[in-house]
């Protein structure tokens, strides 16, 4: 049949249709708070026993519930390591959900999940690494893979908030006109972070190496008049040069004095030349 619609009075809905319908209402996952131990996978630490704690899960419209701790003892990984995957397997053909260990291939990492729309669906609980020839499993060898069933978004006033919310419960509070969620101990509003309660912020903010092009600088002044200032080193050099010039202009070694001496010497020389050029009178005295 190309087109179907369900459920209606007097109509028989199949299990596959029921699964499709309820999968739209709720995501598959653990039906408890995020930090709970519901269906948590735990290692013994001294042997190979793997314990799966009590809990409940919603899987594609079906409920799995365990009220006692389940223990699985996997075989030793001989001469090679492997990853075993612990899952809840929904099998509609058997009308049941069972706890299953999917054995990983030697030295090959985590095995793949089977997740179909109406057939087998595996909800992962944990990945357990088994070391080569290890005769025990440690909690550090376990990777928690649990996911939690989704929450319906609500609308309420302060007086009508959900009485027993789970972590992550989200809703619009009409008393405050803000979105809020349950963080495990109180209702927390979105967008209320302040600088004081931010964690991990740096103590300083050193700039990275960068440049600023002249065209990219805004509000530049149109003129750059110099402020009153001095150049001490240049002034010292100027003063020294002025002293040297003054020394040349005054005193016995000055240029003027030397010129005057030259002029006197020149007059004396001219007199001697003139004397040499004037003949002595004949006959003598």
C-alpha atoms as a PDB file:
ATOM      1  CA  UNK A   1       0.000   0.000   0.000  1.00  0.00           C
ATOM      2  CA  UNK A   2       1.515   3.317  -1.067  1.00  0.00           C
ATOM      3  CA  UNK A   3      -0.336   5.522   1.461  1.00  0.00           C
ATOM      4  CA  UNK A   4      -1.170   4.653   5.058  1.00  0.00           C
ATOM      5  CA  UNK A   5      -2.481   6.549   8.067  1.00  0.00           C
ATOM      6  CA  UNK A   6      -2.921   5.343  11.641  1.00  0.00           C
ATOM      7  CA  UNK A   7      -4.090   4.823  14.357  1.00  0.00           C
ATOM      8  CA  UNK A   8      -7.876   5.135  14.117  1.00  0.00           C
ATOM      9  CA  UNK A   9     -10.889   3.466  15.776  1.00  0.00           C
ATOM     10  CA  UNK A  10     -11.461  -0.083  14.602  1.00  0.00           C
ATOM     11  CA  UNK A  11      -8.031  -0.192  12.966  1.00  0.00           C
ATOM     12  CA  UNK A  12      -5.265  -2.609  13.847  1.00  0.00           C
ATOM     13  CA  UNK A  13      -1.865  -0.914  14.017  1.00  0.00           C
ATOM     14  CA  UNK A  14       1.167  -3.127  13.518  1.00  0.00           C
ATOM     15  CA  UNK A  15       4.156  -3.140  15.850  1.00  0.00           C
ATOM     16  CA  UNK A  16       6.244  -1.473  13.145  1.00  0.00           C
ATOM     17  CA  UNK A  17       3.691   1.337  12.849  1.00  0.00           C
ATOM     18  CA  UNK A  18       3.571   1.680  16.630  1.00  0.00           C
ATOM     19  CA  UNK A  19       7.373   1.963  16.694  1.00  0.00           C
ATOM     20  CA  UNK A  20       7.395   4.683  14.045  1.00  0.00           C
ATOM     21  CA  UNK A  21       4.675   6.610  15.875  1.00  0.00           C
ATOM     22  CA  UNK A  22       6.328   6.579  19.303  1.00  0.00           C
ATOM     23  CA  UNK A  23       9.783   7.289  17.900  1.00  0.00           C
ATOM     24  CA  UNK A  24       8.418  10.721  16.971  1.00  0.00           C
ATOM     25  CA  UNK A  25       7.304  11.349  20.560  1.00  0.00           C
ATOM     26  CA  UNK A  26      10.542  10.482  22.323  1.00  0.00           C
ATOM     27  CA  UNK A  27      14.198   9.799  21.549  1.00  0.00           C
ATOM     28  CA  UNK A  28      15.576   6.418  22.551  1.00  0.00           C
ATOM     29  CA  UNK A  29      17.719   6.501  25.676  1.00  0.00           C
ATOM     30  CA  UNK A  30      17.975   6.078  29.457  1.00  0.00           C
ATOM     31  CA  UNK A  31      14.879   7.408  31.242  1.00  0.00           C
ATOM     32  CA  UNK A  32      16.621   9.042  34.173  1.00  0.00           C
ATOM     33  CA  UNK A  33      18.769  12.066  34.992  1.00  0.00           C
ATOM     34  CA  UNK A  34      22.069  12.434  33.184  1.00  0.00           C
ATOM     35  CA  UNK A  35      24.226  11.862  36.278  1.00  0.00           C
ATOM     36  CA  UNK A  36      22.318   8.824  37.489  1.00  0.00           C
ATOM     37  CA  UNK A  37      23.766   5.299  37.612  1.00  0.00           C
ATOM     38  CA  UNK A  38      20.819   3.903  35.653  1.00  0.00           C
ATOM     39  CA  UNK A  39      22.112   1.012  33.476  1.00  0.00           C
ATOM     40  CA  UNK A  40      25.704   2.074  34.077  1.00  0.00           C
ATOM     41  CA  UNK A  41      28.357  -0.484  33.146  1.00  0.00           C
ATOM     42  CA  UNK A  42      30.856  -1.123  35.964  1.00  0.00           C
ATOM     43  CA  UNK A  43      34.067  -3.166  36.141  1.00  0.00           C
ATOM     44  CA  UNK A  44      34.893  -5.395  39.102  1.00  0.00           C
ATOM     45  CA  UNK A  45      38.563  -4.413  39.041  1.00  0.00           C
ATOM     46  CA  UNK A  46      39.858  -7.756  40.339  1.00  0.00           C
ATOM     47  CA  UNK A  47      38.374 -10.141  37.770  1.00  0.00           C
ATOM     48  CA  UNK A  48      36.631 -10.054  34.385  1.00  0.00           C
ATOM     49  CA  UNK A  49      33.104  -9.551  35.797  1.00  0.00           C
ATOM     50  CA  UNK A  50      31.219  -6.663  34.149  1.00  0.00           C
ATOM     51  CA  UNK A  51      28.160  -5.388  36.047  1.00  0.00           C
ATOM     52  CA  UNK A  52      25.235  -3.522  34.511  1.00  0.00           C
ATOM     53  CA  UNK A  53      23.400  -1.596  37.230  1.00  0.00           C
ATOM     54  CA  UNK A  54      19.582  -1.485  37.488  1.00  0.00           C
ATOM     55  CA  UNK A  55      17.724   1.032  35.375  1.00  0.00           C
ATOM     56  CA  UNK A  56      15.170   1.723  32.672  1.00  0.00           C
ATOM     57  CA  UNK A  57      15.431   2.702  29.015  1.00  0.00           C
ATOM     58  CA  UNK A  58      13.044   3.764  26.274  1.00  0.00           C
ATOM     59  CA  UNK A  59      13.864   2.229  22.904  1.00  0.00           C
ATOM     60  CA  UNK A  60      11.786   3.153  19.886  1.00  0.00           C
ATOM     61  CA  UNK A  61       8.469   3.059  21.736  1.00  0.00           C
ATOM     62  CA  UNK A  62       9.323   0.097  23.994  1.00  0.00           C
ATOM     63  CA  UNK A  63      10.479   0.006  27.623  1.00  0.00           C
ATOM     64  CA  UNK A  64      13.337  -2.056  29.052  1.00  0.00           C
ATOM     65  CA  UNK A  65      13.518  -2.247  32.843  1.00  0.00           C
ATOM     66  CA  UNK A  66      15.995  -4.043  35.088  1.00  0.00           C
ATOM     67  CA  UNK A  67      15.526  -4.023  38.857  1.00  0.00           C
ATOM     68  CA  UNK A  68      18.692  -5.985  39.684  1.00  0.00           C
ATOM     69  CA  UNK A  69      22.362  -5.732  38.767  1.00  0.00           C
ATOM     70  CA  UNK A  70      23.192  -7.968  35.818  1.00  0.00           C
ATOM     71  CA  UNK A  71      26.673  -9.561  35.659  1.00  0.00           C
ATOM     72  CA  UNK A  72      28.427 -10.701  32.489  1.00  0.00           C
ATOM     73  CA  UNK A  73      31.832 -12.413  32.583  1.00  0.00           C
ATOM     74  CA  UNK A  74      33.513 -12.096  29.180  1.00  0.00           C
ATOM     75  CA  UNK A  75      36.221 -14.549  28.129  1.00  0.00           C
ATOM     76  CA  UNK A  76      39.872 -13.490  28.294  1.00  0.00           C
ATOM     77  CA  UNK A  77      41.320 -11.777  25.248  1.00  0.00           C
ATOM     78  CA  UNK A  78      44.071 -14.219  24.281  1.00  0.00           C
ATOM     79  CA  UNK A  79      47.241 -12.804  22.689  1.00  0.00           C
ATOM     80  CA  UNK A  80      45.428  -9.683  21.375  1.00  0.00           C
ATOM     81  CA  UNK A  81      43.263  -6.869  22.700  1.00  0.00           C
ATOM     82  CA  UNK A  82      39.660  -6.270  21.719  1.00  0.00           C
ATOM     83  CA  UNK A  83      36.739  -3.918  22.393  1.00  0.00           C
ATOM     84  CA  UNK A  84      33.423  -5.419  23.511  1.00  0.00           C
ATOM     85  CA  UNK A  85      30.255  -3.379  23.113  1.00  0.00           C
ATOM     86  CA  UNK A  86      27.474  -3.717  25.708  1.00  0.00           C
ATOM     87  CA  UNK A  87      24.055  -2.830  24.297  1.00  0.00           C
ATOM     88  CA  UNK A  88      20.316  -3.164  24.796  1.00  0.00           C
ATOM     89  CA  UNK A  89      19.023  -4.952  21.697  1.00  0.00           C
ATOM     90  CA  UNK A  90      15.427  -4.469  20.590  1.00  0.00           C
ATOM     91  CA  UNK A  91      14.387  -7.377  18.376  1.00  0.00           C
ATOM     92  CA  UNK A  92      10.753  -7.049  17.223  1.00  0.00           C
ATOM     93  CA  UNK A  93      10.795 -10.560  15.772  1.00  0.00           C
ATOM     94  CA  UNK A  94      11.365 -11.935  19.298  1.00  0.00           C
ATOM     95  CA  UNK A  95       9.145  -9.338  21.036  1.00  0.00           C
ATOM     96  CA  UNK A  96      11.864  -8.502  23.527  1.00  0.00           C
ATOM     97  CA  UNK A  97      14.727  -6.225  24.528  1.00  0.00           C
ATOM     98  CA  UNK A  98      17.789  -8.026  25.834  1.00  0.00           C
ATOM     99  CA  UNK A  99      21.167  -7.094  27.316  1.00  0.00           C
ATOM    100  CA  UNK A 100      23.846  -8.188  24.848  1.00  0.00           C
ATOM    101  CA  UNK A 101      27.644  -8.186  24.671  1.00  0.00           C
ATOM    102  CA  UNK A 102      28.833  -7.671  21.094  1.00  0.00           C
ATOM    103  CA  UNK A 103      32.272  -9.254  20.860  1.00  0.00           C
ATOM    104  CA  UNK A 104      34.862  -7.135  19.108  1.00  0.00           C
ATOM    105  CA  UNK A 105      37.364  -8.473  16.621  1.00  0.00           C
ATOM    106  CA  UNK A 106      40.998  -8.849  17.782  1.00  0.00           C
ATOM    107  CA  UNK A 107      42.955  -5.594  17.480  1.00  0.00           C
ATOM    108  CA  UNK A 108      40.120  -4.066  15.467  1.00  0.00           C
ATOM    109  CA  UNK A 109      38.458  -1.473  17.703  1.00  0.00           C
ATOM    110  CA  UNK A 110      34.807  -1.004  18.582  1.00  0.00           C
ATOM    111  CA  UNK A 111      32.250  -3.168  16.721  1.00  0.00           C
ATOM    112  CA  UNK A 112      29.479  -1.485  14.742  1.00  0.00           C
ATOM    113  CA  UNK A 113      25.914  -1.000  15.989  1.00  0.00           C
ATOM    114  CA  UNK A 114      22.765  -2.203  14.239  1.00  0.00           C
ATOM    115  CA  UNK A 115      20.070   0.491  14.265  1.00  0.00           C
ATOM    116  CA  UNK A 116      17.175   0.056  11.858  1.00  0.00           C
ATOM    117  CA  UNK A 117      13.829   1.856  11.746  1.00  0.00           C
ATOM    118  CA  UNK A 118      11.533  -1.147  12.301  1.00  0.00           C
ATOM    119  CA  UNK A 119      13.890  -4.128  12.753  1.00  0.00           C
ATOM    120  CA  UNK A 120      16.735  -4.660  15.221  1.00  0.00           C
ATOM    121  CA  UNK A 121      17.832  -1.545  17.123  1.00  0.00           C
ATOM    122  CA  UNK A 122      20.812  -1.552  19.502  1.00  0.00           C
ATOM    123  CA  UNK A 123      21.136   1.128  22.195  1.00  0.00           C
ATOM    124  CA  UNK A 124      24.794   1.310  23.352  1.00  0.00           C
ATOM    125  CA  UNK A 125      25.629   1.309  27.069  1.00  0.00           C
ATOM    126  CA  UNK A 126      29.423   1.033  27.131  1.00  0.00           C
ATOM    127  CA  UNK A 127      32.587   0.055  25.300  1.00  0.00           C
ATOM    128  CA  UNK A 128      34.830  -2.266  27.374  1.00  0.00           C
ATOM    129  CA  UNK A 129      38.457  -2.645  26.350  1.00  0.00           C
ATOM    130  CA  UNK A 130      39.929  -6.087  27.118  1.00  0.00           C
ATOM    131  CA  UNK A 131      43.724  -6.111  27.177  1.00  0.00           C
ATOM    132  CA  UNK A 132      45.760  -8.964  25.753  1.00  0.00           C
ATOM    133  CA  UNK A 133      45.767 -11.834  28.296  1.00  0.00           C
ATOM    134  CA  UNK A 134      44.270  -9.549  30.967  1.00  0.00           C
ATOM    135  CA  UNK A 135      42.415 -11.539  33.609  1.00  0.00           C
ATOM    136  CA  UNK A 136      40.540  -8.504  34.907  1.00  0.00           C
ATOM    137  CA  UNK A 137      38.707  -5.386  33.706  1.00  0.00           C
ATOM    138  CA  UNK A 138      39.373  -1.980  35.239  1.00  0.00           C
ATOM    139  CA  UNK A 139      36.926   0.940  35.272  1.00  0.00           C
ATOM    140  CA  UNK A 140      39.425   2.978  33.261  1.00  0.00           C
ATOM    141  CA  UNK A 141      38.935   0.424  30.464  1.00  0.00           C
ATOM    142  CA  UNK A 142      35.239   1.318  30.174  1.00  0.00           C
ATOM    143  CA  UNK A 143      33.888   4.126  27.979  1.00  0.00           C
ATOM    144  CA  UNK A 144      30.364   5.184  28.954  1.00  0.00           C
ATOM    145  CA  UNK A 145      28.179   5.360  25.836  1.00  0.00           C
ATOM    146  CA  UNK A 146      24.777   5.867  27.425  1.00  0.00           C
ATOM    147  CA  UNK A 147      22.414   8.429  25.942  1.00  0.00           C
ATOM    148  CA  UNK A 148      19.339   9.810  27.654  1.00  0.00           C
ATOM    149  CA  UNK A 149      15.774  10.034  26.451  1.00  0.00           C
ATOM    150  CA  UNK A 150      14.826  13.495  25.217  1.00  0.00           C
ATOM    151  CA  UNK A 151      12.781  15.973  27.224  1.00  0.00           C
ATOM    152  CA  UNK A 152       9.567  17.628  26.117  1.00  0.00           C
ATOM    153  CA  UNK A 153       9.807  21.418  26.092  1.00  0.00           C
ATOM    154  CA  UNK A 154       7.295  22.996  28.460  1.00  0.00           C
ATOM    155  CA  UNK A 155       5.693  26.337  29.263  1.00  0.00           C
ATOM    156  CA  UNK A 156       4.947  27.294  32.876  1.00  0.00           C
ATOM    157  CA  UNK A 157       4.817  29.969  35.553  1.00  0.00           C
ATOM    158  CA  UNK A 158       6.990  29.984  38.684  1.00  0.00           C
ATOM    159  CA  UNK A 159       4.153  28.345  40.619  1.00  0.00           C
ATOM    160  CA  UNK A 160       3.584  25.618  38.030  1.00  0.00           C
ATOM    161  CA  UNK A 161       7.125  24.473  37.318  1.00  0.00           C
ATOM    162  CA  UNK A 162       7.535  20.670  36.949  1.00  0.00           C
ATOM    163  CA  UNK A 163       7.754  19.219  40.481  1.00  0.00           C
ATOM    164  CA  UNK A 164      10.361  16.520  39.727  1.00  0.00           C
ATOM    165  CA  UNK A 165      12.358  17.675  36.709  1.00  0.00           C
ATOM    166  CA  UNK A 166      15.268  15.779  35.224  1.00  0.00           C
ATOM    167  CA  UNK A 167      18.557  17.431  34.357  1.00  0.00           C
ATOM    168  CA  UNK A 168      18.189  19.377  31.130  1.00  0.00           C
ATOM    169  CA  UNK A 169      14.424  19.901  31.374  1.00  0.00           C
ATOM    170  CA  UNK A 170      13.755  22.994  29.273  1.00  0.00           C
ATOM    171  CA  UNK A 171      10.859  25.411  29.261  1.00  0.00           C
ATOM    172  CA  UNK A 172       9.590  28.959  28.891  1.00  0.00           C
ATOM    173  CA  UNK A 173       8.801  30.643  32.204  1.00  0.00           C
ATOM    174  CA  UNK A 174       5.935  33.085  31.664  1.00  0.00           C
ATOM    175  CA  UNK A 175       6.540  34.705  35.082  1.00  0.00           C
ATOM    176  CA  UNK A 176      10.014  35.855  34.030  1.00  0.00           C
ATOM    177  CA  UNK A 177       9.384  35.701  30.275  1.00  0.00           C
ATOM    178  CA  UNK A 178      12.664  33.794  29.878  1.00  0.00           C
ATOM    179  CA  UNK A 179      13.829  30.341  28.857  1.00  0.00           C
ATOM    180  CA  UNK A 180      15.169  28.232  31.704  1.00  0.00           C
ATOM    181  CA  UNK A 181      16.390  24.692  32.357  1.00  0.00           C
ATOM    182  CA  UNK A 182      16.905  22.433  35.355  1.00  0.00           C
ATOM    183  CA  UNK A 183      20.653  22.014  36.063  1.00  0.00           C
ATOM    184  CA  UNK A 184      20.234  19.361  38.743  1.00  0.00           C
ATOM    185  CA  UNK A 185      19.811  21.684  41.712  1.00  0.00           C
ATOM    186  CA  UNK A 186      17.957  24.786  40.501  1.00  0.00           C
ATOM    187  CA  UNK A 187      16.261  26.436  37.542  1.00  0.00           C
ATOM    188  CA  UNK A 188      18.831  28.378  35.531  1.00  0.00           C
ATOM    189  CA  UNK A 189      17.963  31.041  33.011  1.00  0.00           C
ATOM    190  CA  UNK A 190      19.590  31.291  29.598  1.00  0.00           C
ATOM    191  CA  UNK A 191      21.685  34.352  28.931  1.00  0.00           C
ATOM    192  CA  UNK A 192      22.424  35.193  32.566  1.00  0.00           C
ATOM    193  CA  UNK A 193      26.199  34.665  32.485  1.00  0.00           C
ATOM    194  CA  UNK A 194      28.295  37.488  33.894  1.00  0.00           C
ATOM    195  CA  UNK A 195      32.017  38.207  33.679  1.00  0.00           C
ATOM    196  CA  UNK A 196      32.448  37.250  37.313  1.00  0.00           C
ATOM    197  CA  UNK A 197      31.056  33.719  36.944  1.00  0.00           C
ATOM    198  CA  UNK A 198      32.819  32.857  33.687  1.00  0.00           C
ATOM    199  CA  UNK A 199      35.350  30.093  34.242  1.00  0.00           C
ATOM    200  CA  UNK A 200      38.554  29.498  32.337  1.00  0.00           C
ATOM    201  CA  UNK A 201      39.023  33.097  31.179  1.00  0.00           C
ATOM    202  CA  UNK A 202      42.668  34.173  30.736  1.00  0.00           C
ATOM    203  CA  UNK A 203      44.414  36.491  33.158  1.00  0.00           C
ATOM    204  CA  UNK A 204      45.937  38.606  30.387  1.00  0.00           C
ATOM    205  CA  UNK A 205      45.224  39.194  26.709  1.00  0.00           C
ATOM    206  CA  UNK A 206      48.583  39.638  24.922  1.00  0.00           C
ATOM    207  CA  UNK A 207      48.028  40.774  21.325  1.00  0.00           C
ATOM    208  CA  UNK A 208      49.203  38.531  18.543  1.00  0.00           C
ATOM    209  CA  UNK A 209      51.547  39.845  15.880  1.00  0.00           C
ATOM    210  CA  UNK A 210      49.529  41.964  13.440  1.00  0.00           C
ATOM    211  CA  UNK A 211      49.501  45.149  11.364  1.00  0.00           C
ATOM    212  CA  UNK A 212      47.084  48.023  10.784  1.00  0.00           C
ATOM    213  CA  UNK A 213      47.026  49.534   7.305  1.00  0.00           C
ATOM    214  CA  UNK A 214      46.819  53.339   7.149  1.00  0.00           C
ATOM    215  CA  UNK A 215      43.519  53.140   5.251  1.00  0.00           C
ATOM    216  CA  UNK A 216      42.047  50.915   7.929  1.00  0.00           C
ATOM    217  CA  UNK A 217      42.603  53.439  10.742  1.00  0.00           C
ATOM    218  CA  UNK A 218      39.553  55.577  11.474  1.00  0.00           C
ATOM    219  CA  UNK A 219      39.318  59.066  13.049  1.00  0.00           C
ATOM    220  CA  UNK A 220      42.844  60.033  11.940  1.00  0.00           C
ATOM    221  CA  UNK A 221      43.714  63.763  12.479  1.00  0.00           C
ATOM    222  CA  UNK A 222      44.099  65.864   9.340  1.00  0.00           C
ATOM    223  CA  UNK A 223      47.225  67.620  10.685  1.00  0.00           C
ATOM    224  CA  UNK A 224      50.019  66.654  13.062  1.00  0.00           C
ATOM    225  CA  UNK A 225      51.370  69.883  14.711  1.00  0.00           C
ATOM    226  CA  UNK A 226      54.475  69.165  16.788  1.00  0.00           C
ATOM    227  CA  UNK A 227      54.257  69.624  20.510  1.00  0.00           C
ATOM    228  CA  UNK A 228      56.805  71.793  22.367  1.00  0.00           C
ATOM    229  CA  UNK A 229      59.972  69.746  22.804  1.00  0.00           C
ATOM    230  CA  UNK A 230      63.788  69.868  22.849  1.00  0.00           C
ATOM    231  CA  UNK A 231      66.618  67.845  21.343  1.00  0.00           C
ATOM    232  CA  UNK A 232      69.251  67.743  24.089  1.00  0.00           C
ATOM    233  CA  UNK A 233      71.964  65.932  22.151  1.00  0.00           C
ATOM    234  CA  UNK A 234      71.615  68.147  19.070  1.00  0.00           C
ATOM    235  CA  UNK A 235      71.683  71.287  21.242  1.00  0.00           C
ATOM    236  CA  UNK A 236      74.936  70.122  22.846  1.00  0.00           C
ATOM    237  CA  UNK A 237      76.502  69.714  19.425  1.00  0.00           C
ATOM    238  CA  UNK A 238      75.280  73.160  18.339  1.00  0.00           C
ATOM    239  CA  UNK A 239      76.727  74.768  21.466  1.00  0.00           C
ATOM    240  CA  UNK A 240      80.111  73.109  20.889  1.00  0.00           C
ATOM    241  CA  UNK A 241      80.192  74.329  17.277  1.00  0.00           C
ATOM    242  CA  UNK A 242      79.292  77.891  18.358  1.00  0.00           C
ATOM    243  CA  UNK A 243      82.164  77.847  20.872  1.00  0.00           C
ATOM    244  CA  UNK A 244      84.608  76.785  18.181  1.00  0.00           C
ATOM    245  CA  UNK A 245      83.420  79.605  15.869  1.00  0.00           C
ATOM    246  CA  UNK A 246      83.745  82.147  18.684  1.00  0.00           C
ATOM    247  CA  UNK A 247      87.286  80.944  19.352  1.00  0.00           C
ATOM    248  CA  UNK A 248      88.157  81.528  15.709  1.00  0.00           C
ATOM    249  CA  UNK A 249      86.634  85.010  15.732  1.00  0.00           C
ATOM    250  CA  UNK A 250      88.343  86.357  18.891  1.00  0.00           C
ATOM    251  CA  UNK A 251      91.678  86.111  20.720  1.00  0.00           C
ATOM    252  CA  UNK A 252      95.293  85.909  19.594  1.00  0.00           C
ATOM    253  CA  UNK A 253      94.619  82.928  17.393  1.00  0.00           C
ATOM    254  CA  UNK A 254      91.560  84.377  15.774  1.00  0.00           C
ATOM    255  CA  UNK A 255      91.252  84.875  12.062  1.00  0.00           C
ATOM    256  CA  UNK A 256      91.058  88.700  12.484  1.00  0.00           C
ATOM    257  CA  UNK A 257      94.278  88.752  14.531  1.00  0.00           C
ATOM    258  CA  UNK A 258      96.099  86.608  12.017  1.00  0.00           C
ATOM    259  CA  UNK A 259      94.926  88.826   9.162  1.00  0.00           C
ATOM    260  CA  UNK A 260      96.137  91.922  11.047  1.00  0.00           C
ATOM    261  CA  UNK A 261      99.541  90.307  11.570  1.00  0.00           C
ATOM    262  CA  UNK A 262      99.778  89.505   7.882  1.00  0.00           C
ATOM    263  CA  UNK A 263      98.904  93.061   6.959  1.00  0.00           C
ATOM    264  CA  UNK A 264     101.664  94.434   9.270  1.00  0.00           C
ATOM    265  CA  UNK A 265     104.179  91.995   7.814  1.00  0.00           C
ATOM    266  CA  UNK A 266     103.138  93.044   4.321  1.00  0.00           C
ATOM    267  CA  UNK A 267     103.766  96.752   5.079  1.00  0.00           C
ATOM    268  CA  UNK A 268     107.182  95.925   6.481  1.00  0.00           C
ATOM    269  CA  UNK A 269     108.042  93.836   3.460  1.00  0.00           C
ATOM    270  CA  UNK A 270     107.004  96.579   1.072  1.00  0.00           C
ATOM    271  CA  UNK A 271     109.270  99.012   2.955  1.00  0.00           C
ATOM    272  CA  UNK A 272     112.249  96.696   2.612  1.00  0.00           C
ATOM    273  CA  UNK A 273     111.589  96.172  -1.080  1.00  0.00           C
ATOM    274  CA  UNK A 274     111.327  99.905  -1.608  1.00  0.00           C
ATOM    275  CA  UNK A 275     114.620 100.409   0.229  1.00  0.00           C
ATOM    276  CA  UNK A 276     116.339  97.897  -1.955  1.00  0.00           C
ATOM    277  CA  UNK A 277     115.003  99.504  -5.073  1.00  0.00           C
ATOM    278  CA  UNK A 278     116.210 103.086  -4.158  1.00  0.00           C
ATOM    279  CA  UNK A 279     119.871 103.643  -5.455  1.00  0.00           C
ATOM    280  CA  UNK A 280     122.516 105.073  -3.174  1.00  0.00           C
ATOM    281  CA  UNK A 281     123.962 108.583  -4.132  1.00  0.00           C
ATOM    282  CA  UNK A 282     127.261 108.571  -6.129  1.00  0.00           C
ATOM    283  CA  UNK A 283     130.474 109.542  -4.407  1.00  0.00           C
ATOM    284  CA  UNK A 284     129.202 108.580  -1.130  1.00  0.00           C
ATOM    285  CA  UNK A 285     129.100 110.802   1.832  1.00  0.00           C
END
